[in-house]
Amino acid sequence: APLWNPDLNDGVIINFAPLWRMIAHKPWQKAV
């Protein structure tokens, strides 16, 4: 939460990146 600073110009995967630990879908978690 303290790190998260969404900017749509960064694109989806970069915005998603700090959250990778909470992804249940394994292939997407691996990519993120």
Full PDB file with SEQRES, HELIX, SHEET, SSBOND, CRYST1, ORIGX, SCALE, CONECT and MASTER records, all heavy atoms in Angstrom:
SEQRES   1 A   32  ALA PRO LEU TRP ASN PRO ASP LEU ASN ASP GLY VAL ILE          
SEQRES   2 A   32  ILE ASN PHE ALA PRO LEU TRP ARG MET ILE ALA HIS LYS          
SEQRES   3 A   32  PRO TRP GLN LYS ALA VAL                                      
HELIX    1 AA1 LEU A    8  ASP A   10  5                                   3    
HELIX    2 AA2 VAL A   12  PHE A   16  1                                   5    
HELIX    3 AA3 ALA A   17  MET A   22  5                                   6    
HELIX    4 AA4 LYS A   26  ALA A   31  1                                   6    
CRYST1    1.000    1.000    1.000  90.00  90.00  90.00 P 1           1          
ORIGX1      1.000000  0.000000  0.000000        0.00000                         
ORIGX2      0.000000  1.000000  0.000000        0.00000                         
ORIGX3      0.000000  0.000000  1.000000        0.00000                         
SCALE1      1.000000  0.000000  0.000000        0.00000                         
SCALE2      0.000000  1.000000  0.000000        0.00000                         
SCALE3      0.000000  0.000000  1.000000        0.00000                         
ATOM      1  N   ALA A   1       0.797  -1.241   0.000  1.00  0.00           N  
ATOM      2  CA  ALA A   1       0.000   0.000   0.000  1.00  0.00           C  
ATOM      3  C   ALA A   1       0.826   1.286   0.000  1.00  0.00           C  
ATOM      4  O   ALA A   1       0.526   2.202  -0.773  1.00  0.00           O  
ATOM      5  CB  ALA A   1      -0.972  -0.021   1.178  1.00  0.00           C  
ATOM      6  N   PRO A   2       1.876   1.408   0.819  1.00  0.00           N  
ATOM      7  CA  PRO A   2       2.624   2.675   0.822  1.00  0.00           C  
ATOM      8  C   PRO A   2       3.385   2.925  -0.489  1.00  0.00           C  
ATOM      9  O   PRO A   2       3.738   4.061  -0.795  1.00  0.00           O  
ATOM     10  CB  PRO A   2       3.621   2.507   1.983  1.00  0.00           C  
ATOM     11  CG  PRO A   2       3.143   1.339   2.771  1.00  0.00           C  
ATOM     12  CD  PRO A   2       2.417   0.460   1.815  1.00  0.00           C  
ATOM     13  N   LEU A   3       3.663   1.848  -1.238  1.00  0.00           N  
ATOM     14  CA  LEU A   3       4.457   1.962  -2.462  1.00  0.00           C  
ATOM     15  C   LEU A   3       3.607   2.234  -3.686  1.00  0.00           C  
ATOM     16  O   LEU A   3       4.088   2.737  -4.692  1.00  0.00           O  
ATOM     17  CB  LEU A   3       5.201   0.635  -2.738  1.00  0.00           C  
ATOM     18  CG  LEU A   3       6.066   0.061  -1.639  1.00  0.00           C  
ATOM     19  CD1 LEU A   3       6.566  -1.306  -2.062  1.00  0.00           C  
ATOM     20  CD2 LEU A   3       7.224   0.994  -1.370  1.00  0.00           C  
ATOM     21  N   TRP A   4       2.361   1.857  -3.604  1.00  0.00           N  
ATOM     22  CA  TRP A   4       1.540   1.772  -4.809  1.00  0.00           C  
ATOM     23  C   TRP A   4       1.158   3.153  -5.292  1.00  0.00           C  
ATOM     24  O   TRP A   4       0.626   3.966  -4.543  1.00  0.00           O  
ATOM     25  CB  TRP A   4       0.298   0.929  -4.513  1.00  0.00           C  
ATOM     26  CG  TRP A   4      -0.212   0.249  -5.728  1.00  0.00           C  
ATOM     27  CD1 TRP A   4       0.472  -0.613  -6.521  1.00  0.00           C  
ATOM     28  CD2 TRP A   4      -1.514   0.376  -6.286  1.00  0.00           C  
ATOM     29  NE1 TRP A   4      -0.329  -1.044  -7.541  1.00  0.00           N  
ATOM     30  CE2 TRP A   4      -1.555  -0.455  -7.424  1.00  0.00           C  
ATOM     31  CE3 TRP A   4      -2.649   1.100  -5.946  1.00  0.00           C  
ATOM     32  CZ2 TRP A   4      -2.682  -0.583  -8.219  1.00  0.00           C  
ATOM     33  CZ3 TRP A   4      -3.772   0.969  -6.731  1.00  0.00           C  
ATOM     34  CH2 TRP A   4      -3.791   0.136  -7.849  1.00  0.00           C  
ATOM     35  N   ASN A   5       1.446   3.423  -6.554  1.00  0.00           N  
ATOM     36  CA  ASN A   5       1.198   4.746  -7.118  1.00  0.00           C  
ATOM     37  C   ASN A   5       0.770   4.568  -8.572  1.00  0.00           C  
ATOM     38  O   ASN A   5       1.542   4.814  -9.493  1.00  0.00           O  
ATOM     39  CB  ASN A   5       2.477   5.589  -7.019  1.00  0.00           C  
ATOM     40  CG  ASN A   5       2.223   7.050  -7.289  1.00  0.00           C  
ATOM     41  OD1 ASN A   5       1.185   7.578  -6.922  1.00  0.00           O  
ATOM     42  ND2 ASN A   5       3.173   7.708  -7.919  1.00  0.00           N  
ATOM     43  N   PRO A   6      -0.459   4.103  -8.800  1.00  0.00           N  
ATOM     44  CA  PRO A   6      -0.858   3.704 -10.154  1.00  0.00           C  
ATOM     45  C   PRO A   6      -0.827   4.853 -11.148  1.00  0.00           C  
ATOM     46  O   PRO A   6      -1.237   5.965 -10.843  1.00  0.00           O  
ATOM     47  CB  PRO A   6      -2.294   3.188  -9.955  1.00  0.00           C  
ATOM     48  CG  PRO A   6      -2.778   3.850  -8.706  1.00  0.00           C  
ATOM     49  CD  PRO A   6      -1.572   3.998  -7.833  1.00  0.00           C  
ATOM     50  N   ASP A   7      -0.306   4.556 -12.316  1.00  0.00           N  
ATOM     51  CA  ASP A   7      -0.296   5.510 -13.431  1.00  0.00           C  
ATOM     52  C   ASP A   7      -0.583   4.691 -14.690  1.00  0.00           C  
ATOM     53  O   ASP A   7       0.219   3.835 -15.073  1.00  0.00           O  
ATOM     54  CB  ASP A   7       1.067   6.199 -13.526  1.00  0.00           C  
ATOM     55  CG  ASP A   7       1.066   7.337 -14.542  1.00  0.00           C  
ATOM     56  OD1 ASP A   7       0.670   7.081 -15.697  1.00  0.00           O  
ATOM     57  OD2 ASP A   7       1.440   8.466 -14.188  1.00  0.00           O  
ATOM     58  N   LEU A   8      -1.717   4.955 -15.326  1.00  0.00           N  
ATOM     59  CA  LEU A   8      -2.132   4.129 -16.456  1.00  0.00           C  
ATOM     60  C   LEU A   8      -1.123   4.185 -17.602  1.00  0.00           C  
ATOM     61  O   LEU A   8      -1.060   3.264 -18.418  1.00  0.00           O  
ATOM     62  CB  LEU A   8      -3.526   4.539 -16.945  1.00  0.00           C  
ATOM     63  CG  LEU A   8      -4.666   4.416 -15.921  1.00  0.00           C  
ATOM     64  CD1 LEU A   8      -6.020   4.559 -16.597  1.00  0.00           C  
ATOM     65  CD2 LEU A   8      -4.627   3.111 -15.138  1.00  0.00           C  
ATOM     66  N   ASN A   9      -0.307   5.239 -17.662  1.00  0.00           N  
ATOM     67  CA  ASN A   9       0.706   5.340 -18.720  1.00  0.00           C  
ATOM     68  C   ASN A   9       1.807   4.299 -18.567  1.00  0.00           C  
ATOM     69  O   ASN A   9       2.514   3.996 -19.528  1.00  0.00           O  
ATOM     70  CB  ASN A   9       1.334   6.742 -18.734  1.00  0.00           C  
ATOM     71  CG  ASN A   9       0.345   7.803 -19.163  1.00  0.00           C  
ATOM     72  OD1 ASN A   9      -0.415   7.603 -20.109  1.00  0.00           O  
ATOM     73  ND2 ASN A   9       0.319   8.924 -18.466  1.00  0.00           N  
ATOM     74  N   ASP A  10       1.967   3.764 -17.365  1.00  0.00           N  
ATOM     75  CA  ASP A  10       2.974   2.720 -17.147  1.00  0.00           C  
ATOM     76  C   ASP A  10       2.564   1.393 -17.775  1.00  0.00           C  
ATOM     77  O   ASP A  10       3.391   0.519 -18.006  1.00  0.00           O  
ATOM     78  CB  ASP A  10       3.220   2.505 -15.651  1.00  0.00           C  
ATOM     79  CG  ASP A  10       4.108   3.574 -15.031  1.00  0.00           C  
ATOM     80  OD1 ASP A  10       4.629   4.425 -15.779  1.00  0.00           O  
ATOM     81  OD2 ASP A  10       4.263   3.556 -13.794  1.00  0.00           O  
ATOM     82  N   GLY A  11       1.273   1.209 -17.997  1.00  0.00           N  
ATOM     83  CA  GLY A  11       0.772  -0.062 -18.514  1.00  0.00           C  
ATOM     84  C   GLY A  11       0.373  -1.006 -17.396  1.00  0.00           C  
ATOM     85  O   GLY A  11       0.762  -0.835 -16.242  1.00  0.00           O  
ATOM     86  N   VAL A  12      -0.409  -2.011 -17.773  1.00  0.00           N  
ATOM     87  CA  VAL A  12      -1.016  -2.910 -16.790  1.00  0.00           C  
ATOM     88  C   VAL A  12       0.021  -3.679 -15.981  1.00  0.00           C  
ATOM     89  O   VAL A  12      -0.009  -3.678 -14.756  1.00  0.00           O  
ATOM     90  CB  VAL A  12      -1.983  -3.890 -17.485  1.00  0.00           C  
ATOM     91  CG1 VAL A  12      -2.408  -5.006 -16.530  1.00  0.00           C  
ATOM     92  CG2 VAL A  12      -3.223  -3.152 -17.986  1.00  0.00           C  
ATOM     93  N   ILE A  13       0.961  -4.333 -16.647  1.00  0.00           N  
ATOM     94  CA  ILE A  13       1.827  -5.277 -15.925  1.00  0.00           C  
ATOM     95  C   ILE A  13       2.765  -4.555 -14.955  1.00  0.00           C  
ATOM     96  O   ILE A  13       3.051  -5.060 -13.866  1.00  0.00           O  
ATOM     97  CB  ILE A  13       2.589  -6.199 -16.907  1.00  0.00           C  
ATOM     98  CG1 ILE A  13       3.163  -7.419 -16.154  1.00  0.00           C  
ATOM     99  CG2 ILE A  13       3.652  -5.452 -17.673  1.00  0.00           C  
ATOM    100  CD1 ILE A  13       3.576  -8.553 -17.055  1.00  0.00           C  
ATOM    101  N   ILE A  14       3.225  -3.354 -15.310  1.00  0.00           N  
ATOM    102  CA  ILE A  14       4.099  -2.612 -14.384  1.00  0.00           C  
ATOM    103  C   ILE A  14       3.306  -2.153 -13.162  1.00  0.00           C  
ATOM    104  O   ILE A  14       3.788  -2.234 -12.023  1.00  0.00           O  
ATOM    105  CB  ILE A  14       4.784  -1.430 -15.103  1.00  0.00           C  
ATOM    106  CG1 ILE A  14       5.897  -1.979 -16.002  1.00  0.00           C  
ATOM    107  CG2 ILE A  14       5.353  -0.418 -14.106  1.00  0.00           C  
ATOM    108  CD1 ILE A  14       6.606  -0.933 -16.844  1.00  0.00           C  
ATOM    109  N   ASN A  15       2.078  -1.687 -13.367  1.00  0.00           N  
ATOM    110  CA  ASN A  15       1.248  -1.323 -12.212  1.00  0.00           C  
ATOM    111  C   ASN A  15       0.963  -2.533 -11.325  1.00  0.00           C  
ATOM    112  O   ASN A  15       0.862  -2.422 -10.105  1.00  0.00           O  
ATOM    113  CB  ASN A  15      -0.074  -0.709 -12.694  1.00  0.00           C  
ATOM    114  CG  ASN A  15       0.060   0.760 -13.032  1.00  0.00           C  
ATOM    115  OD1 ASN A  15       0.499   1.558 -12.212  1.00  0.00           O  
ATOM    116  ND2 ASN A  15      -0.305   1.136 -14.245  1.00  0.00           N  
ATOM    117  N   PHE A  16       0.820  -3.696 -11.955  1.00  0.00           N  
ATOM    118  CA  PHE A  16       0.507  -4.927 -11.224  1.00  0.00           C  
ATOM    119  C   PHE A  16       1.737  -5.458 -10.468  1.00  0.00           C  
ATOM    120  O   PHE A  16       1.612  -6.179  -9.473  1.00  0.00           O  
ATOM    121  CB  PHE A  16       0.032  -5.996 -12.217  1.00  0.00           C  
ATOM    122  CG  PHE A  16      -1.059  -6.900 -11.729  1.00  0.00           C  
ATOM    123  CD1 PHE A  16      -2.046  -7.335 -12.595  1.00  0.00           C  
ATOM    124  CD2 PHE A  16      -1.108  -7.343 -10.414  1.00  0.00           C  
ATOM    125  CE1 PHE A  16      -3.065  -8.175 -12.168  1.00  0.00           C  
ATOM    126  CE2 PHE A  16      -2.116  -8.189  -9.970  1.00  0.00           C  
ATOM    127  CZ  PHE A  16      -3.097  -8.608 -10.854  1.00  0.00           C  
ATOM    128  N   ALA A  17       2.939  -5.084 -10.937  1.00  0.00           N  
ATOM    129  CA  ALA A  17       4.177  -5.735 -10.482  1.00  0.00           C  
ATOM    130  C   ALA A  17       4.351  -5.839  -8.966  1.00  0.00           C  
ATOM    131  O   ALA A  17       4.682  -6.919  -8.463  1.00  0.00           O  
ATOM    132  CB  ALA A  17       5.389  -5.035 -11.116  1.00  0.00           C  
ATOM    133  N   PRO A  18       4.143  -4.761  -8.180  1.00  0.00           N  
ATOM    134  CA  PRO A  18       4.367  -4.894  -6.735  1.00  0.00           C  
ATOM    135  C   PRO A  18       3.393  -5.852  -6.046  1.00  0.00           C  
ATOM    136  O   PRO A  18       3.629  -6.259  -4.915  1.00  0.00           O  
ATOM    137  CB  PRO A  18       4.166  -3.460  -6.203  1.00  0.00           C  
ATOM    138  CG  PRO A  18       4.252  -2.566  -7.390  1.00  0.00           C  
ATOM    139  CD  PRO A  18       3.774  -3.382  -8.544  1.00  0.00           C  
ATOM    140  N   LEU A  19       2.311  -6.224  -6.748  1.00  0.00           N  
ATOM    141  CA  LEU A  19       1.277  -7.070  -6.154  1.00  0.00           C  
ATOM    142  C   LEU A  19       1.460  -8.552  -6.497  1.00  0.00           C  
ATOM    143  O   LEU A  19       0.596  -9.365  -6.179  1.00  0.00           O  
ATOM    144  CB  LEU A  19      -0.108  -6.621  -6.655  1.00  0.00           C  
ATOM    145  CG  LEU A  19      -0.480  -5.155  -6.393  1.00  0.00           C  
ATOM    146  CD1 LEU A  19      -1.665  -4.749  -7.261  1.00  0.00           C  
ATOM    147  CD2 LEU A  19      -0.814  -4.941  -4.935  1.00  0.00           C  
ATOM    148  N   TRP A  20       2.577  -8.908  -7.117  1.00  0.00           N  
ATOM    149  CA  TRP A  20       2.718 -10.247  -7.687  1.00  0.00           C  
ATOM    150  C   TRP A  20       2.517 -11.362  -6.664  1.00  0.00           C  
ATOM    151  O   TRP A  20       2.072 -12.459  -7.005  1.00  0.00           O  
ATOM    152  CB  TRP A  20       4.094 -10.393  -8.352  1.00  0.00           C  
ATOM    153  CG  TRP A  20       5.260 -10.468  -7.403  1.00  0.00           C  
ATOM    154  CD1 TRP A  20       6.014  -9.442  -6.939  1.00  0.00           C  
ATOM    155  CD2 TRP A  20       5.793 -11.652  -6.793  1.00  0.00           C  
ATOM    156  NE1 TRP A  20       6.984  -9.886  -6.075  1.00  0.00           N  
ATOM    157  CE2 TRP A  20       6.872 -11.247  -5.967  1.00  0.00           C  
ATOM    158  CE3 TRP A  20       5.473 -13.010  -6.857  1.00  0.00           C  
ATOM    159  CZ2 TRP A  20       7.626 -12.144  -5.225  1.00  0.00           C  
ATOM    160  CZ3 TRP A  20       6.219 -13.910  -6.110  1.00  0.00           C  
ATOM    161  CH2 TRP A  20       7.284 -13.479  -5.310  1.00  0.00           C  
ATOM    162  N   ARG A  21       2.813 -11.091  -5.404  1.00  0.00           N  
ATOM    163  CA  ARG A  21       2.732 -12.141  -4.382  1.00  0.00           C  
ATOM    164  C   ARG A  21       1.297 -12.604  -4.119  1.00  0.00           C  
ATOM    165  O   ARG A  21       1.080 -13.678  -3.557  1.00  0.00           O  
ATOM    166  CB  ARG A  21       3.364 -11.631  -3.080  1.00  0.00           C  
ATOM    167  CG  ARG A  21       4.849 -11.356  -3.186  1.00  0.00           C  
ATOM    168  CD  ARG A  21       5.344 -10.453  -2.053  1.00  0.00           C  
ATOM    169  NE  ARG A  21       5.185 -11.062  -0.743  1.00  0.00           N  
ATOM    170  CZ  ARG A  21       6.068 -11.882  -0.170  1.00  0.00           C  
ATOM    171  NH1 ARG A  21       7.181 -12.191  -0.794  1.00  0.00           N  
ATOM    172  NH2 ARG A  21       5.861 -12.372   1.031  1.00  0.00           N  
ATOM    173  N   MET A  22       0.316 -11.817  -4.523  1.00  0.00           N  
ATOM    174  CA  MET A  22      -1.087 -12.139  -4.234  1.00  0.00           C  
ATOM    175  C   MET A  22      -1.848 -12.663  -5.455  1.00  0.00           C  
ATOM    176  O   MET A  22      -3.066 -12.657  -5.483  1.00  0.00           O  
ATOM    177  CB  MET A  22      -1.788 -10.902  -3.662  1.00  0.00           C  
ATOM    178  CG  MET A  22      -1.281 -10.537  -2.278  1.00  0.00           C  
ATOM    179  SD  MET A  22      -1.920  -8.964  -1.673  1.00  0.00           S  
ATOM    180  CE  MET A  22      -0.788  -7.807  -2.449  1.00  0.00           C  
ATOM    181  N   ILE A  23      -1.114 -13.129  -6.473  1.00  0.00           N  
ATOM    182  CA  ILE A  23      -1.736 -13.643  -7.696  1.00  0.00           C  
ATOM    183  C   ILE A  23      -1.821 -15.162  -7.621  1.00  0.00           C  
ATOM    184  O   ILE A  23      -0.809 -15.838  -7.433  1.00  0.00           O  
ATOM    185  CB  ILE A  23      -0.934 -13.221  -8.942  1.00  0.00           C  
ATOM    186  CG1 ILE A  23      -0.887 -11.690  -9.053  1.00  0.00           C  
ATOM    187  CG2 ILE A  23      -1.534 -13.829 -10.200  1.00  0.00           C  
ATOM    188  CD1 ILE A  23       0.044 -11.177 -10.134  1.00  0.00           C  
ATOM    189  N   ALA A  24      -3.022 -15.711  -7.785  1.00  0.00           N  
ATOM    190  CA  ALA A  24      -3.209 -17.163  -7.688  1.00  0.00           C  
ATOM    191  C   ALA A  24      -2.974 -17.869  -9.027  1.00  0.00           C  
ATOM    192  O   ALA A  24      -2.621 -19.042  -9.048  1.00  0.00           O  
ATOM    193  CB  ALA A  24      -4.619 -17.473  -7.189  1.00  0.00           C  
ATOM    194  N   HIS A  25      -3.188 -17.165 -10.140  1.00  0.00           N  
ATOM    195  CA  HIS A  25      -3.021 -17.757 -11.468  1.00  0.00           C  
ATOM    196  C   HIS A  25      -1.526 -17.835 -11.781  1.00  0.00           C  
ATOM    197  O   HIS A  25      -0.869 -16.833 -12.001  1.00  0.00           O  
ATOM    198  CB  HIS A  25      -3.760 -16.883 -12.494  1.00  0.00           C  
ATOM    199  CG  HIS A  25      -3.737 -17.432 -13.890  1.00  0.00           C  
ATOM    200  ND1 HIS A  25      -2.759 -17.096 -14.795  1.00  0.00           N  
ATOM    201  CD2 HIS A  25      -4.571 -18.275 -14.537  1.00  0.00           C  
ATOM    202  CE1 HIS A  25      -3.003 -17.709 -15.944  1.00  0.00           C  
ATOM    203  NE2 HIS A  25      -4.096 -18.427 -15.814  1.00  0.00           N  
ATOM    204  N   LYS A  26      -0.980 -19.057 -11.768  1.00  0.00           N  
ATOM    205  CA  LYS A  26       0.476 -19.240 -11.796  1.00  0.00           C  
ATOM    206  C   LYS A  26       1.179 -18.623 -13.015  1.00  0.00           C  
ATOM    207  O   LYS A  26       2.201 -17.964 -12.858  1.00  0.00           O  
ATOM    208  CB  LYS A  26       0.828 -20.726 -11.678  1.00  0.00           C  
ATOM    209  CG  LYS A  26       0.468 -21.340 -10.335  1.00  0.00           C  
ATOM    210  CD  LYS A  26       1.261 -20.668  -9.202  1.00  0.00           C  
ATOM    211  CE  LYS A  26       0.979 -21.323  -7.871  1.00  0.00           C  
ATOM    212  NZ  LYS A  26      -0.394 -21.149  -7.403  1.00  0.00           N  
ATOM    213  N   PRO A  27       0.683 -18.826 -14.247  1.00  0.00           N  
ATOM    214  CA  PRO A  27       1.393 -18.229 -15.388  1.00  0.00           C  
ATOM    215  C   PRO A  27       1.428 -16.700 -15.311  1.00  0.00           C  
ATOM    216  O   PRO A  27       2.452 -16.079 -15.638  1.00  0.00           O  
ATOM    217  CB  PRO A  27       0.576 -18.701 -16.604  1.00  0.00           C  
ATOM    218  CG  PRO A  27      -0.133 -19.928 -16.139  1.00  0.00           C  
ATOM    219  CD  PRO A  27      -0.436 -19.698 -14.697  1.00  0.00           C  
ATOM    220  N   TRP A  28       0.330 -16.088 -14.860  1.00  0.00           N  
ATOM    221  CA  TRP A  28       0.296 -14.631 -14.751  1.00  0.00           C  
ATOM    222  C   TRP A  28       1.186 -14.169 -13.600  1.00  0.00           C  
ATOM    223  O   TRP A  28       1.899 -13.183 -13.712  1.00  0.00           O  
ATOM    224  CB  TRP A  28      -1.147 -14.156 -14.574  1.00  0.00           C  
ATOM    225  CG  TRP A  28      -1.322 -12.671 -14.447  1.00  0.00           C  
ATOM    226  CD1 TRP A  28      -1.901 -12.000 -13.418  1.00  0.00           C  
ATOM    227  CD2 TRP A  28      -0.925 -11.652 -15.379  1.00  0.00           C  
ATOM    228  NE1 TRP A  28      -1.902 -10.645 -13.636  1.00  0.00           N  
ATOM    229  CE2 TRP A  28      -1.302 -10.403 -14.839  1.00  0.00           C  
ATOM    230  CE3 TRP A  28      -0.279 -11.675 -16.614  1.00  0.00           C  
ATOM    231  CZ2 TRP A  28      -1.055  -9.186 -15.491  1.00  0.00           C  
ATOM    232  CZ3 TRP A  28      -0.035 -10.473 -17.269  1.00  0.00           C  
ATOM    233  CH2 TRP A  28      -0.426  -9.253 -16.711  1.00  0.00           C  
ATOM    234  N   GLN A  29       1.182 -14.926 -12.503  1.00  0.00           N  
ATOM    235  CA  GLN A  29       2.064 -14.568 -11.394  1.00  0.00           C  
ATOM    236  C   GLN A  29       3.525 -14.591 -11.843  1.00  0.00           C  
ATOM    237  O   GLN A  29       4.309 -13.692 -11.510  1.00  0.00           O  
ATOM    238  CB  GLN A  29       1.879 -15.519 -10.211  1.00  0.00           C  
ATOM    239  CG  GLN A  29       2.689 -15.070  -9.000  1.00  0.00           C  
ATOM    240  CD  GLN A  29       2.716 -16.087  -7.878  1.00  0.00           C  
ATOM    241  OE1 GLN A  29       3.033 -17.247  -8.101  1.00  0.00           O  
ATOM    242  NE2 GLN A  29       2.380 -15.650  -6.672  1.00  0.00           N  
ATOM    243  N   LYS A  30       3.882 -15.602 -12.618  1.00  0.00           N  
ATOM    244  CA  LYS A  30       5.254 -15.727 -13.106  1.00  0.00           C  
ATOM    245  C   LYS A  30       5.626 -14.525 -13.983  1.00  0.00           C  
ATOM    246  O   LYS A  30       6.720 -13.954 -13.853  1.00  0.00           O  
ATOM    247  CB  LYS A  30       5.399 -17.034 -13.901  1.00  0.00           C  
ATOM    248  CG  LYS A  30       6.812 -17.327 -14.358  1.00  0.00           C  
ATOM    249  CD  LYS A  30       6.886 -18.652 -15.099  1.00  0.00           C  
ATOM    250  CE  LYS A  30       8.296 -18.911 -15.608  1.00  0.00           C  
ATOM    251  NZ  LYS A  30       8.374 -20.159 -16.408  1.00  0.00           N  
ATOM    252  N   ALA A  31       4.704 -14.115 -14.866  1.00  0.00           N  
ATOM    253  CA  ALA A  31       4.960 -12.970 -15.756  1.00  0.00           C  
ATOM    254  C   ALA A  31       5.087 -11.674 -14.964  1.00  0.00           C  
ATOM    255  O   ALA A  31       5.983 -10.853 -15.226  1.00  0.00           O  
ATOM    256  CB  ALA A  31       3.835 -12.859 -16.788  1.00  0.00           C  
ATOM    257  N   VAL A  32       4.214 -11.496 -13.978  1.00  0.00           N  
ATOM    258  CA  VAL A  32       4.227 -10.259 -13.190  1.00  0.00           C  
ATOM    259  C   VAL A  32       5.456 -10.219 -12.288  1.00  0.00           C  
ATOM    260  O   VAL A  32       6.081  -9.169 -12.116  1.00  0.00           O  
ATOM    261  CB  VAL A  32       2.917 -10.119 -12.384  1.00  0.00           C  
ATOM    262  CG1 VAL A  32       2.969  -8.896 -11.471  1.00  0.00           C  
ATOM    263  CG2 VAL A  32       1.725 -10.002 -13.324  1.00  0.00           C  
TER     264      VAL A  32                                                      
MASTER        0    0    0    4    0    0    0    6  263    1    0    3          
END                                                                             
